[in-house]
N, C-alpha and C. Protein backbone atom coordinates (compact mmCIF):
# COMPACT_ATOMS: atom_id res chain seq x y z
N MET A 1 32.82 13.10 -39.62
CA MET A 1 33.01 11.59 -39.05
C MET A 1 32.83 11.50 -37.56
N GLN A 2 33.51 12.50 -36.88
CA GLN A 2 33.60 12.44 -35.45
C GLN A 2 32.05 12.80 -34.77
N LEU A 3 31.16 13.50 -35.49
CA LEU A 3 29.84 13.75 -35.14
C LEU A 3 29.01 12.56 -35.40
N HIS A 4 29.28 11.76 -36.38
CA HIS A 4 28.44 10.43 -36.63
C HIS A 4 28.76 9.51 -35.62
N ILE A 5 30.04 9.38 -34.97
CA ILE A 5 30.40 8.47 -33.83
C ILE A 5 29.57 8.91 -32.57
N ILE A 6 29.35 10.34 -32.32
CA ILE A 6 28.96 10.72 -31.16
C ILE A 6 27.46 10.34 -31.25
N GLU A 7 26.70 10.42 -32.35
CA GLU A 7 25.32 10.08 -32.47
C GLU A 7 25.12 8.55 -32.17
N ILE A 8 26.03 7.79 -32.76
CA ILE A 8 25.84 6.33 -32.59
C ILE A 8 26.07 6.08 -30.97
N VAL A 9 27.06 6.52 -30.48
CA VAL A 9 27.32 6.48 -29.02
C VAL A 9 26.02 6.92 -28.09
N THR A 10 25.50 8.08 -28.53
CA THR A 10 24.36 8.49 -27.81
C THR A 10 23.14 7.66 -28.10
N GLY A 11 22.85 7.38 -29.16
CA GLY A 11 21.84 6.45 -29.60
C GLY A 11 21.94 5.11 -28.72
N ILE A 12 23.17 4.37 -28.52
CA ILE A 12 23.39 3.30 -27.96
C ILE A 12 23.05 3.50 -26.30
N PHE A 13 23.69 4.59 -25.91
CA PHE A 13 23.32 4.93 -24.48
C PHE A 13 21.88 5.05 -24.13
N CYS A 14 21.27 5.70 -25.12
CA CYS A 14 19.61 6.11 -24.86
C CYS A 14 18.91 4.47 -24.97
N ALA A 15 19.37 3.75 -25.89
CA ALA A 15 18.70 2.54 -26.01
C ALA A 15 19.11 1.69 -24.56
N VAL A 16 20.19 1.70 -24.15
CA VAL A 16 20.63 1.12 -22.98
C VAL A 16 19.67 1.35 -21.71
N VAL A 17 19.65 2.67 -21.58
CA VAL A 17 18.89 3.36 -20.60
C VAL A 17 17.37 2.88 -20.60
N ALA A 18 16.83 3.07 -21.87
CA ALA A 18 15.48 2.48 -22.06
C ALA A 18 15.23 1.14 -21.76
N LEU A 19 16.06 0.38 -22.11
CA LEU A 19 16.07 -1.07 -21.74
C LEU A 19 16.19 -1.30 -20.09
N ASN A 20 17.13 -0.55 -19.48
CA ASN A 20 17.03 -0.73 -18.16
C ASN A 20 15.86 -0.32 -17.53
N LEU A 21 15.17 0.95 -17.87
CA LEU A 21 14.09 1.33 -17.15
C LEU A 21 12.87 0.48 -17.59
N ALA A 22 12.74 -0.18 -18.55
CA ALA A 22 11.76 -1.04 -18.88
C ALA A 22 11.76 -2.53 -18.10
N TYR A 23 13.01 -2.91 -17.85
CA TYR A 23 13.34 -4.10 -17.15
C TYR A 23 12.94 -3.54 -15.56
N TYR A 24 13.46 -2.57 -15.24
CA TYR A 24 13.18 -2.39 -13.69
C TYR A 24 11.83 -1.94 -13.43
N PHE A 25 11.00 -1.48 -14.41
CA PHE A 25 9.81 -1.28 -14.24
C PHE A 25 8.90 -2.65 -14.21
N ALA A 26 9.17 -3.55 -15.16
CA ALA A 26 8.58 -4.87 -15.17
C ALA A 26 8.79 -5.52 -13.93
N LEU A 27 10.23 -5.48 -13.35
CA LEU A 27 10.51 -6.09 -12.24
C LEU A 27 9.69 -5.65 -11.13
N PHE A 28 9.78 -4.34 -10.64
CA PHE A 28 9.41 -3.69 -9.56
C PHE A 28 8.04 -3.44 -9.46
N ALA A 29 7.21 -3.27 -10.76
CA ALA A 29 5.88 -2.98 -10.75
C ALA A 29 5.01 -4.04 -10.13
N ARG A 30 5.47 -5.40 -10.32
CA ARG A 30 4.81 -6.62 -9.59
C ARG A 30 4.84 -6.08 -8.06
N PHE A 31 5.71 -5.63 -7.31
CA PHE A 31 5.64 -5.39 -6.11
C PHE A 31 5.10 -4.04 -5.79
N ALA A 32 5.00 -3.16 -6.49
CA ALA A 32 4.36 -1.64 -6.19
C ALA A 32 2.81 -1.85 -6.22
N PHE A 33 2.29 -2.63 -7.36
CA PHE A 33 1.00 -2.88 -7.45
C PHE A 33 0.40 -4.05 -6.84
N PHE A 34 1.25 -4.97 -6.07
CA PHE A 34 0.52 -6.10 -5.54
C PHE A 34 -0.48 -5.92 -4.57
N LYS A 35 -1.60 -6.56 -4.70
CA LYS A 35 -2.71 -6.49 -3.64
C LYS A 35 -3.05 -7.95 -3.20
N PRO A 36 -2.76 -8.17 -2.02
CA PRO A 36 -2.90 -9.79 -1.58
C PRO A 36 -4.40 -10.09 -1.60
N SER A 37 -4.64 -11.21 -2.01
CA SER A 37 -6.14 -11.54 -2.18
C SER A 37 -6.53 -12.31 -0.62
N LYS A 38 -7.64 -12.16 -0.44
CA LYS A 38 -8.38 -12.69 0.91
C LYS A 38 -8.66 -14.24 0.33
N PRO A 39 -8.12 -14.94 1.43
CA PRO A 39 -8.50 -16.52 1.18
C PRO A 39 -10.04 -16.66 1.25
N LYS A 40 -10.45 -17.75 0.63
CA LYS A 40 -11.93 -18.08 0.46
C LYS A 40 -12.28 -18.49 1.91
N GLY A 41 -13.47 -18.19 2.60
CA GLY A 41 -13.75 -18.21 3.94
C GLY A 41 -13.15 -17.67 4.69
N TYR A 42 -12.79 -16.28 4.23
CA TYR A 42 -12.17 -15.35 5.21
C TYR A 42 -13.10 -14.85 5.98
N HIS A 43 -12.79 -14.74 7.31
CA HIS A 43 -13.65 -14.02 8.47
C HIS A 43 -12.66 -13.19 9.42
N GLN A 44 -13.18 -12.37 10.05
CA GLN A 44 -12.53 -11.65 10.99
C GLN A 44 -12.53 -12.19 12.46
N ASP A 45 -11.54 -12.14 13.11
CA ASP A 45 -11.47 -12.67 14.38
C ASP A 45 -12.31 -11.77 15.29
N PRO A 46 -12.89 -12.25 16.34
CA PRO A 46 -13.82 -11.23 17.21
C PRO A 46 -12.71 -10.34 18.16
N VAL A 47 -13.11 -9.16 18.35
CA VAL A 47 -12.32 -8.32 19.02
C VAL A 47 -13.03 -7.76 20.40
N SER A 48 -12.35 -7.78 21.25
CA SER A 48 -12.76 -6.98 22.67
C SER A 48 -12.30 -5.70 22.75
N ILE A 49 -13.32 -4.92 23.24
CA ILE A 49 -12.95 -3.44 23.50
C ILE A 49 -13.12 -3.19 24.95
N VAL A 50 -11.98 -2.80 25.53
CA VAL A 50 -11.91 -2.44 26.79
C VAL A 50 -11.60 -0.94 27.10
N ILE A 51 -12.29 -0.21 27.69
CA ILE A 51 -12.02 1.15 27.93
C ILE A 51 -12.00 1.45 29.60
N ALA A 52 -10.85 1.76 29.82
CA ALA A 52 -10.48 2.16 30.91
C ALA A 52 -10.69 3.46 31.39
N THR A 53 -11.68 3.81 32.49
CA THR A 53 -12.09 5.08 32.85
C THR A 53 -12.34 4.96 34.42
N LYS A 54 -12.30 6.04 34.90
CA LYS A 54 -12.71 6.53 36.26
C LYS A 54 -13.11 7.92 36.63
N ASN A 55 -14.05 7.98 36.73
CA ASN A 55 -14.88 9.34 37.04
C ASN A 55 -14.87 10.17 35.92
N ASP A 56 -15.14 9.53 34.63
CA ASP A 56 -15.05 10.13 33.32
C ASP A 56 -16.20 10.03 32.52
N ALA A 57 -17.41 10.06 33.04
CA ALA A 57 -18.50 9.65 32.34
C ALA A 57 -19.00 10.53 31.25
N HIS A 58 -18.65 11.78 31.33
CA HIS A 58 -18.99 12.76 30.19
C HIS A 58 -18.10 12.34 28.91
N ASN A 59 -16.84 11.84 29.09
CA ASN A 59 -16.08 11.48 27.97
C ASN A 59 -16.69 10.19 27.55
N LEU A 60 -16.80 9.43 28.29
CA LEU A 60 -17.39 8.11 28.00
C LEU A 60 -18.82 8.26 27.12
N LEU A 61 -19.56 9.06 27.48
CA LEU A 61 -20.74 9.26 26.78
C LEU A 61 -20.53 9.76 25.48
N LYS A 62 -19.48 10.54 25.11
CA LYS A 62 -18.94 11.02 23.92
C LYS A 62 -18.42 9.80 23.08
N SER A 63 -17.64 9.05 23.55
CA SER A 63 -16.76 8.04 22.87
C SER A 63 -17.67 6.71 22.72
N LEU A 64 -18.43 6.29 23.55
CA LEU A 64 -19.03 5.08 23.21
C LEU A 64 -20.00 5.24 21.76
N PRO A 65 -20.68 6.19 21.36
CA PRO A 65 -21.43 6.00 20.08
C PRO A 65 -20.19 5.80 19.04
N ILE A 66 -19.14 6.61 19.10
CA ILE A 66 -18.23 6.47 17.97
C ILE A 66 -17.78 5.04 17.98
N ILE A 67 -17.44 4.48 19.01
CA ILE A 67 -16.90 3.03 18.96
C ILE A 67 -18.02 2.15 18.46
N LEU A 68 -19.28 2.32 18.80
CA LEU A 68 -20.32 1.43 18.33
C LEU A 68 -20.68 1.62 17.07
N GLU A 69 -20.30 2.63 16.31
CA GLU A 69 -20.56 2.96 14.97
C GLU A 69 -19.57 2.19 14.15
N GLN A 70 -18.54 1.54 14.49
CA GLN A 70 -17.56 0.81 13.74
C GLN A 70 -18.15 -0.24 12.97
N GLN A 71 -17.64 -0.54 11.79
CA GLN A 71 -18.22 -1.66 10.87
C GLN A 71 -17.43 -2.91 10.99
N TYR A 72 -17.21 -3.17 12.36
CA TYR A 72 -16.40 -4.42 12.48
C TYR A 72 -17.63 -5.63 12.76
N ASN A 73 -17.64 -6.78 12.42
CA ASN A 73 -18.65 -7.71 12.28
C ASN A 73 -18.90 -8.22 13.82
N ASP A 74 -17.88 -8.91 14.40
CA ASP A 74 -17.99 -9.37 15.88
C ASP A 74 -17.11 -8.74 16.83
N TYR A 75 -17.75 -7.74 17.66
CA TYR A 75 -17.07 -7.43 18.83
C TYR A 75 -17.92 -6.95 19.85
């Protein structure tokens, strides 16, 4: 009789844990996998790039091509 009660309590405990896990997954999966959609007519704002340099032409020659290869629409 004692073994039968332990099995029932264990079964109820497992069911409660499973229900709690399902509840929390359903509740927080919405936040974990949320991807905001871009509004229609979305455009990127123009950006200005300012490079402060003095007597540093060799580094400027290396960095300008990298900056110009960016895939930003309007800068």
